[in-house]
Amino acid sequence: MSRSTTPLQLAFTFPHPAGYRLEDFLPAPCNQAAVDAVLAWPHWPTPALVLHGPPGSGRTHLAHIWCDRAQALLMSGAELWEVANPLERLGEARALAVDDADLAAAPRLLLQLYNLLVERGGHLLLTATAPPDRWGIRLPDLLSRLKAAASVRIEPPDDALLAALLVKQLADRRLSVAPSIVAYLVARMDRSFAAAGQLVEALDRASLRARRPVTMGLARQALAEVAEMAAREAQAEG
């Protein structure tokens, strides 16, 4: 006698390419100063500009926008170490963006890059989670230069931007959500850029598993999943 079985439903998550054009960026009061600073190039008051703000706040997006406008090379802070040959990679370029510059493992190389770009009459864009005086830099020459650079902070998002972020990131994944569900999520989620990204991923997984659009029930599940993940992370850190 044969026994029928129900196939196990698996949710596969695929990478979703982010649009890094200016028209893809969501301007808001919390980030307008950063947008204005990037678009003010090449008329910056100093050779370097530091953009700092919380994770997921659009720092990388703004770096890509600037690189496109300035024909700049883009590196990550993690690449700034001797074996990665950042000076060789810079070549003859006169513009460089360093994303997550506060993670640079070789501050002396960052200083050399800064000085070389200044000699060429070029510019340097640095992104980080905090201003340079909180990067733990122990190289006085580098610290003094970065503290003298123009610096702009991206503030935490307001409710309108959080709602727009949810709608945009869900649309990037080809998911549409009713305004009432978006309002429900915004009223109950953590007030941060990172939380918006985590919630979108949870909603995407829930929709894939259920094989249906995002409903209020799936929204509740996603909120609970994100809260559970945050609780586990807090427990692990404690």
C-alpha atoms as a PDB file:
ATOM      1  CA  MET A   1       0.000   0.000   0.000  1.00  0.00           C
ATOM      2  CA  SER A   2       1.542   3.301  -1.048  1.00  0.00           C
ATOM      3  CA  ARG A   3       1.525   6.294   1.219  1.00  0.00           C
ATOM      4  CA  SER A   4       1.215   9.801  -0.212  1.00  0.00           C
ATOM      5  CA  THR A   5       3.477  12.457   1.210  1.00  0.00           C
ATOM      6  CA  THR A   6       3.408  16.222   1.076  1.00  0.00           C
ATOM      7  CA  PRO A   7       6.606  17.677  -0.413  1.00  0.00           C
ATOM      8  CA  LEU A   8       8.659  19.778   1.967  1.00  0.00           C
ATOM      9  CA  GLN A   9       8.478  23.427   0.952  1.00  0.00           C
ATOM     10  CA  LEU A  10      11.918  25.033   0.942  1.00  0.00           C
ATOM     11  CA  ALA A  11      12.575  28.755   0.663  1.00  0.00           C
ATOM     12  CA  PHE A  12      15.640  29.673  -1.329  1.00  0.00           C
ATOM     13  CA  THR A  13      17.086  33.141  -0.879  1.00  0.00           C
ATOM     14  CA  PHE A  14      18.856  34.707  -3.856  1.00  0.00           C
ATOM     15  CA  PRO A  15      20.933  37.897  -3.857  1.00  0.00           C
ATOM     16  CA  HIS A  16      19.087  41.017  -4.933  1.00  0.00           C
ATOM     17  CA  PRO A  17      21.259  43.580  -6.729  1.00  0.00           C
ATOM     18  CA  ALA A  18      20.951  47.061  -5.278  1.00  0.00           C
ATOM     19  CA  GLY A  19      20.527  50.051  -7.542  1.00  0.00           C
ATOM     20  CA  TYR A  20      23.276  52.540  -6.823  1.00  0.00           C
ATOM     21  CA  ARG A  21      22.144  55.383  -9.075  1.00  0.00           C
ATOM     22  CA  LEU A  22      21.220  58.802  -7.711  1.00  0.00           C
ATOM     23  CA  GLU A  23      17.579  58.239  -8.662  1.00  0.00           C
ATOM     24  CA  ASP A  24      17.572  55.034  -6.579  1.00  0.00           C
ATOM     25  CA  PHE A  25      18.536  56.900  -3.397  1.00  0.00           C
ATOM     26  CA  LEU A  26      15.749  57.898  -1.002  1.00  0.00           C
ATOM     27  CA  PRO A  27      16.375  61.481   0.176  1.00  0.00           C
ATOM     28  CA  ALA A  28      15.044  62.485   3.586  1.00  0.00           C
ATOM     29  CA  PRO A  29      15.796  65.096   6.249  1.00  0.00           C
ATOM     30  CA  CYS A  30      18.128  62.633   8.005  1.00  0.00           C
ATOM     31  CA  ASN A  31      20.396  62.207   4.960  1.00  0.00           C
ATOM     32  CA  GLN A  32      19.915  65.408   2.967  1.00  0.00           C
ATOM     33  CA  ALA A  33      23.125  67.003   4.254  1.00  0.00           C
ATOM     34  CA  ALA A  34      25.090  63.934   3.127  1.00  0.00           C
ATOM     35  CA  VAL A  35      23.470  63.975  -0.316  1.00  0.00           C
ATOM     36  CA  ASP A  36      24.189  67.694  -0.700  1.00  0.00           C
ATOM     37  CA  ALA A  37      27.823  67.179   0.316  1.00  0.00           C
ATOM     38  CA  VAL A  38      28.349  64.405  -2.233  1.00  0.00           C
ATOM     39  CA  LEU A  39      26.713  66.401  -5.019  1.00  0.00           C
ATOM     40  CA  ALA A  40      28.779  69.485  -4.136  1.00  0.00           C
ATOM     41  CA  TRP A  41      31.898  67.783  -5.506  1.00  0.00           C
ATOM     42  CA  PRO A  42      34.300  69.003  -6.894  1.00  0.00           C
ATOM     43  CA  HIS A  43      33.711  72.144  -4.832  1.00  0.00           C
ATOM     44  CA  TRP A  44      34.467  70.531  -1.466  1.00  0.00           C
ATOM     45  CA  PRO A  45      35.982  72.763   1.207  1.00  0.00           C
ATOM     46  CA  THR A  46      38.670  70.159   1.940  1.00  0.00           C
ATOM     47  CA  PRO A  47      40.377  67.386  -0.097  1.00  0.00           C
ATOM     48  CA  ALA A  48      38.521  64.714   1.892  1.00  0.00           C
ATOM     49  CA  LEU A  49      34.911  64.191   2.911  1.00  0.00           C
ATOM     50  CA  VAL A  50      33.830  61.827   5.691  1.00  0.00           C
ATOM     51  CA  LEU A  51      30.288  60.426   5.644  1.00  0.00           C
ATOM     52  CA  HIS A  52      29.354  58.637   8.853  1.00  0.00           C
ATOM     53  CA  GLY A  53      26.151  57.090  10.067  1.00  0.00           C
ATOM     54  CA  PRO A  54      24.509  53.863  11.226  1.00  0.00           C
ATOM     55  CA  PRO A  55      24.662  50.606   9.228  1.00  0.00           C
ATOM     56  CA  GLY A  56      22.249  50.519   6.304  1.00  0.00           C
ATOM     57  CA  SER A  57      21.963  54.313   6.167  1.00  0.00           C
ATOM     58  CA  GLY A  58      23.011  54.595   2.531  1.00  0.00           C
ATOM     59  CA  ARG A  59      26.706  55.388   3.004  1.00  0.00           C
ATOM     60  CA  THR A  60      27.758  52.802   0.420  1.00  0.00           C
ATOM     61  CA  HIS A  61      25.060  53.988  -1.971  1.00  0.00           C
ATOM     62  CA  LEU A  62      26.332  57.572  -1.719  1.00  0.00           C
ATOM     63  CA  ALA A  63      29.900  56.367  -2.240  1.00  0.00           C
ATOM     64  CA  HIS A  64      28.836  54.687  -5.497  1.00  0.00           C
ATOM     65  CA  ILE A  65      27.024  57.835  -6.614  1.00  0.00           C
ATOM     66  CA  TRP A  66      30.152  59.890  -5.987  1.00  0.00           C
ATOM     67  CA  CYS A  67      32.427  57.374  -7.718  1.00  0.00           C
ATOM     68  CA  ASP A  68      30.251  57.548 -10.808  1.00  0.00           C
ATOM     69  CA  ARG A  69      30.342  61.353 -10.832  1.00  0.00           C
ATOM     70  CA  ALA A  70      34.054  61.690  -9.994  1.00  0.00           C
ATOM     71  CA  GLN A  71      35.253  58.654 -11.978  1.00  0.00           C
ATOM     72  CA  ALA A  72      36.721  57.454  -8.691  1.00  0.00           C
ATOM     73  CA  LEU A  73      38.082  54.107  -7.614  1.00  0.00           C
ATOM     74  CA  LEU A  74      36.171  52.357  -4.822  1.00  0.00           C
ATOM     75  CA  MET A  75      37.884  50.261  -2.145  1.00  0.00           C
ATOM     76  CA  SER A  76      36.741  48.882   1.189  1.00  0.00           C
ATOM     77  CA  GLY A  77      38.514  49.584   4.448  1.00  0.00           C
ATOM     78  CA  ALA A  78      39.270  45.884   4.754  1.00  0.00           C
ATOM     79  CA  GLU A  79      41.329  46.108   1.549  1.00  0.00           C
ATOM     80  CA  LEU A  80      43.660  48.759   2.949  1.00  0.00           C
ATOM     81  CA  TRP A  81      46.509  46.549   4.026  1.00  0.00           C
ATOM     82  CA  GLU A  82      49.916  45.993   2.517  1.00  0.00           C
ATOM     83  CA  VAL A  83      49.238  42.730   0.691  1.00  0.00           C
ATOM     84  CA  ALA A  84      46.231  44.238  -1.084  1.00  0.00           C
ATOM     85  CA  ASN A  85      48.494  46.853  -2.763  1.00  0.00           C
ATOM     86  CA  PRO A  86      46.057  49.788  -2.530  1.00  0.00           C
ATOM     87  CA  LEU A  87      48.689  52.269  -3.769  1.00  0.00           C
ATOM     88  CA  GLU A  88      49.299  50.146  -6.860  1.00  0.00           C
ATOM     89  CA  ARG A  89      45.561  49.785  -7.463  1.00  0.00           C
ATOM     90  CA  LEU A  90      45.087  53.543  -7.242  1.00  0.00           C
ATOM     91  CA  GLY A  91      47.365  53.958 -10.238  1.00  0.00           C
ATOM     92  CA  GLU A  92      47.072  57.442 -11.719  1.00  0.00           C
ATOM     93  CA  ALA A  93      43.556  58.051 -10.381  1.00  0.00           C
ATOM     94  CA  ARG A  94      42.808  61.375  -8.716  1.00  0.00           C
ATOM     95  CA  ALA A  95      39.711  60.299  -6.809  1.00  0.00           C
ATOM     96  CA  LEU A  96      39.178  57.457  -4.343  1.00  0.00           C
ATOM     97  CA  ALA A  97      36.322  56.316  -2.105  1.00  0.00           C
ATOM     98  CA  VAL A  98      37.013  54.057   0.865  1.00  0.00           C
ATOM     99  CA  ASP A  99      33.878  52.362   2.183  1.00  0.00           C
ATOM    100  CA  ASP A 100      33.983  51.365   5.862  1.00  0.00           C
ATOM    101  CA  ALA A 101      37.214  53.308   6.250  1.00  0.00           C
ATOM    102  CA  ASP A 102      37.066  52.818  10.022  1.00  0.00           C
ATOM    103  CA  LEU A 103      37.906  49.139   9.385  1.00  0.00           C
ATOM    104  CA  ALA A 104      41.191  49.937   7.637  1.00  0.00           C
ATOM    105  CA  ALA A 105      43.864  47.590   8.952  1.00  0.00           C
ATOM    106  CA  ALA A 106      46.802  49.733   7.778  1.00  0.00           C
ATOM    107  CA  PRO A 107      46.323  53.397   8.752  1.00  0.00           C
ATOM    108  CA  ARG A 108      49.735  54.293   7.341  1.00  0.00           C
ATOM    109  CA  LEU A 109      48.563  53.220   3.889  1.00  0.00           C
ATOM    110  CA  LEU A 110      45.451  55.355   4.290  1.00  0.00           C
ATOM    111  CA  LEU A 111      47.696  58.303   5.143  1.00  0.00           C
ATOM    112  CA  GLN A 112      49.812  57.633   2.047  1.00  0.00           C
ATOM    113  CA  LEU A 113      46.709  57.500  -0.134  1.00  0.00           C
ATOM    114  CA  TYR A 114      45.455  60.752   1.376  1.00  0.00           C
ATOM    115  CA  ASN A 115      48.770  62.536   0.794  1.00  0.00           C
ATOM    116  CA  LEU A 116      49.097  61.207  -2.758  1.00  0.00           C
ATOM    117  CA  LEU A 117      45.616  62.391  -3.712  1.00  0.00           C
ATOM    118  CA  VAL A 118      46.288  65.824  -2.222  1.00  0.00           C
ATOM    119  CA  GLU A 119      49.510  66.053  -4.247  1.00  0.00           C
ATOM    120  CA  ARG A 120      47.501  65.259  -7.384  1.00  0.00           C
ATOM    121  CA  GLY A 121      44.847  67.832  -6.541  1.00  0.00           C
ATOM    122  CA  GLY A 122      42.350  65.000  -6.129  1.00  0.00           C
ATOM    123  CA  HIS A 123      39.738  64.007  -3.572  1.00  0.00           C
ATOM    124  CA  LEU A 124      39.042  61.262  -1.044  1.00  0.00           C
ATOM    125  CA  LEU A 125      35.630  60.116   0.189  1.00  0.00           C
ATOM    126  CA  LEU A 126      35.515  58.040   3.378  1.00  0.00           C
ATOM    127  CA  THR A 127      32.482  56.313   4.859  1.00  0.00           C
ATOM    128  CA  ALA A 128      32.253  54.962   8.396  1.00  0.00           C
ATOM    129  CA  THR A 129      29.873  54.341  11.259  1.00  0.00           C
ATOM    130  CA  ALA A 130      31.448  57.074  13.407  1.00  0.00           C
ATOM    131  CA  PRO A 131      33.588  60.220  12.985  1.00  0.00           C
ATOM    132  CA  PRO A 132      37.377  59.737  12.662  1.00  0.00           C
ATOM    133  CA  ASP A 133      38.149  60.603  16.289  1.00  0.00           C
ATOM    134  CA  ARG A 134      36.291  57.415  17.263  1.00  0.00           C
ATOM    135  CA  TRP A 135      38.125  55.066  14.871  1.00  0.00           C
ATOM    136  CA  GLY A 136      40.910  54.334  17.327  1.00  0.00           C
ATOM    137  CA  ILE A 137      43.546  55.873  15.042  1.00  0.00           C
ATOM    138  CA  ARG A 138      46.958  56.023  16.731  1.00  0.00           C
ATOM    139  CA  LEU A 139      48.784  57.678  13.844  1.00  0.00           C
ATOM    140  CA  PRO A 140      48.791  61.404  14.739  1.00  0.00           C
ATOM    141  CA  ASP A 141      49.362  62.665  11.175  1.00  0.00           C
ATOM    142  CA  LEU A 142      46.431  60.673   9.828  1.00  0.00           C
ATOM    143  CA  LEU A 143      44.126  61.593  12.685  1.00  0.00           C
ATOM    144  CA  SER A 144      44.856  65.311  12.337  1.00  0.00           C
ATOM    145  CA  ARG A 145      44.143  65.231   8.593  1.00  0.00           C
ATOM    146  CA  LEU A 146      40.894  63.329   8.973  1.00  0.00           C
ATOM    147  CA  LYS A 147      39.683  65.511  11.842  1.00  0.00           C
ATOM    148  CA  ALA A 148      40.291  68.548   9.614  1.00  0.00           C
ATOM    149  CA  ALA A 149      38.296  67.009   6.733  1.00  0.00           C
ATOM    150  CA  ALA A 150      34.718  67.972   6.003  1.00  0.00           C
ATOM    151  CA  SER A 151      32.412  65.595   7.875  1.00  0.00           C
ATOM    152  CA  VAL A 152      28.685  64.895   7.574  1.00  0.00           C
ATOM    153  CA  ARG A 153      26.560  62.617   9.742  1.00  0.00           C
ATOM    154  CA  ILE A 154      23.563  60.649   8.495  1.00  0.00           C
ATOM    155  CA  GLU A 155      20.954  60.706  11.249  1.00  0.00           C
ATOM    156  CA  PRO A 156      18.586  57.842  12.203  1.00  0.00           C
ATOM    157  CA  PRO A 157      15.509  57.510   9.963  1.00  0.00           C
ATOM    158  CA  ASP A 158      12.067  58.938  10.688  1.00  0.00           C
ATOM    159  CA  ASP A 159       8.845  56.981  10.158  1.00  0.00           C
ATOM    160  CA  ALA A 160       8.327  58.293   6.623  1.00  0.00           C
ATOM    161  CA  LEU A 161      11.774  57.121   5.519  1.00  0.00           C
ATOM    162  CA  LEU A 162      11.371  53.738   7.230  1.00  0.00           C
ATOM    163  CA  ALA A 163       8.119  53.215   5.332  1.00  0.00           C
ATOM    164  CA  ALA A 164       9.760  54.254   2.058  1.00  0.00           C
ATOM    165  CA  LEU A 165      12.716  51.930   2.719  1.00  0.00           C
ATOM    166  CA  LEU A 166      10.408  48.971   3.321  1.00  0.00           C
ATOM    167  CA  VAL A 167       8.417  49.664   0.159  1.00  0.00           C
ATOM    168  CA  LYS A 168      11.541  50.161  -1.990  1.00  0.00           C
ATOM    169  CA  GLN A 169      13.461  47.159  -0.690  1.00  0.00           C
ATOM    170  CA  LEU A 170      10.414  44.936  -1.016  1.00  0.00           C
ATOM    171  CA  ALA A 171       9.856  46.220  -4.557  1.00  0.00           C
ATOM    172  CA  ASP A 172      13.492  45.344  -5.317  1.00  0.00           C
ATOM    173  CA  ARG A 173      12.483  41.786  -4.448  1.00  0.00           C
ATOM    174  CA  ARG A 174       9.306  42.073  -6.545  1.00  0.00           C
ATOM    175  CA  LEU A 175       7.076  42.122  -3.486  1.00  0.00           C
ATOM    176  CA  SER A 176       4.237  44.591  -3.048  1.00  0.00           C
ATOM    177  CA  VAL A 177       2.747  45.313   0.360  1.00  0.00           C
ATOM    178  CA  ALA A 178      -0.469  47.099   1.235  1.00  0.00           C
ATOM    179  CA  PRO A 179      -0.024  50.523   2.876  1.00  0.00           C
ATOM    180  CA  SER A 180      -1.872  49.290   5.962  1.00  0.00           C
ATOM    181  CA  ILE A 181       0.693  46.507   6.432  1.00  0.00           C
ATOM    182  CA  VAL A 182       3.579  48.935   5.956  1.00  0.00           C
ATOM    183  CA  ALA A 183       2.084  51.234   8.607  1.00  0.00           C
ATOM    184  CA  TYR A 184       1.658  48.236  10.939  1.00  0.00           C
ATOM    185  CA  LEU A 185       5.304  47.249  10.497  1.00  0.00           C
ATOM    186  CA  VAL A 186       6.683  50.776  10.942  1.00  0.00           C
ATOM    187  CA  ALA A 187       4.761  51.202  14.184  1.00  0.00           C
ATOM    188  CA  ARG A 188       6.289  48.026  15.663  1.00  0.00           C
ATOM    189  CA  MET A 189       9.800  47.648  14.214  1.00  0.00           C
ATOM    190  CA  ASP A 190      13.077  48.921  15.650  1.00  0.00           C
ATOM    191  CA  ARG A 191      13.809  52.454  14.498  1.00  0.00           C
ATOM    192  CA  SER A 192      16.947  51.811  12.446  1.00  0.00           C
ATOM    193  CA  PHE A 193      18.121  51.322   8.874  1.00  0.00           C
ATOM    194  CA  ALA A 194      19.513  47.892   9.742  1.00  0.00           C
ATOM    195  CA  ALA A 195      16.187  46.778  11.185  1.00  0.00           C
ATOM    196  CA  ALA A 196      14.436  47.712   7.946  1.00  0.00           C
ATOM    197  CA  GLY A 197      16.804  45.500   5.970  1.00  0.00           C
ATOM    198  CA  GLN A 198      16.389  42.571   8.375  1.00  0.00           C
ATOM    199  CA  LEU A 199      12.623  42.910   8.279  1.00  0.00           C
ATOM    200  CA  VAL A 200      12.549  42.918   4.479  1.00  0.00           C
ATOM    201  CA  GLU A 201      14.636  39.738   4.404  1.00  0.00           C
ATOM    202  CA  ALA A 202      12.276  38.096   6.905  1.00  0.00           C
ATOM    203  CA  LEU A 203       9.227  39.149   4.869  1.00  0.00           C
ATOM    204  CA  ASP A 204      10.812  37.784   1.706  1.00  0.00           C
ATOM    205  CA  ARG A 205      11.517  34.429   3.369  1.00  0.00           C
ATOM    206  CA  ALA A 206       8.005  34.242   4.800  1.00  0.00           C
ATOM    207  CA  SER A 207       6.450  35.018   1.415  1.00  0.00           C
ATOM    208  CA  LEU A 208       8.596  32.396  -0.316  1.00  0.00           C
ATOM    209  CA  ARG A 209       7.736  29.752   2.270  1.00  0.00           C
ATOM    210  CA  ALA A 210       4.015  30.514   2.112  1.00  0.00           C
ATOM    211  CA  ARG A 211       4.047  31.008  -1.662  1.00  0.00           C
ATOM    212  CA  ARG A 212       1.778  34.020  -1.384  1.00  0.00           C
ATOM    213  CA  PRO A 213       2.070  37.803  -1.185  1.00  0.00           C
ATOM    214  CA  VAL A 214       2.824  39.497   2.111  1.00  0.00           C
ATOM    215  CA  THR A 215      -0.262  39.433   4.315  1.00  0.00           C
ATOM    216  CA  MET A 216      -0.813  40.797   7.803  1.00  0.00           C
ATOM    217  CA  GLY A 217      -0.233  37.317   9.156  1.00  0.00           C
ATOM    218  CA  LEU A 218       3.123  37.034   7.391  1.00  0.00           C
ATOM    219  CA  ALA A 219       4.008  40.516   8.617  1.00  0.00           C
ATOM    220  CA  ARG A 220       3.447  39.387  12.216  1.00  0.00           C
ATOM    221  CA  GLN A 221       5.587  36.296  11.595  1.00  0.00           C
ATOM    222  CA  ALA A 222       8.401  38.415  10.168  1.00  0.00           C
ATOM    223  CA  LEU A 223       8.333  40.817  13.116  1.00  0.00           C
ATOM    224  CA  ALA A 224       8.488  37.873  15.520  1.00  0.00           C
ATOM    225  CA  GLU A 225      11.384  36.311  13.582  1.00  0.00           C
ATOM    226  CA  VAL A 226      13.402  39.534  13.636  1.00  0.00           C
ATOM    227  CA  ALA A 227      12.710  40.011  17.357  1.00  0.00           C
ATOM    228  CA  GLU A 228      13.826  36.434  18.055  1.00  0.00           C
ATOM    229  CA  MET A 229      17.041  36.979  16.091  1.00  0.00           C
ATOM    230  CA  ALA A 230      17.774  40.177  18.016  1.00  0.00           C
ATOM    231  CA  ALA A 231      17.180  38.395  21.315  1.00  0.00           C
ATOM    232  CA  ARG A 232      19.584  35.592  20.367  1.00  0.00           C
ATOM    233  CA  GLU A 233      22.253  38.093  19.325  1.00  0.00           C
ATOM    234  CA  ALA A 234      21.851  40.018  22.593  1.00  0.00           C
ATOM    235  CA  GLN A 235      22.127  36.778  24.567  1.00  0.00           C
ATOM    236  CA  ALA A 236      25.264  35.756  22.671  1.00  0.00           C
ATOM    237  CA  GLU A 237      26.880  39.133  23.302  1.00  0.00           C
ATOM    238  CA  GLY A 238      25.961  39.000  26.981  1.00  0.00           C
END
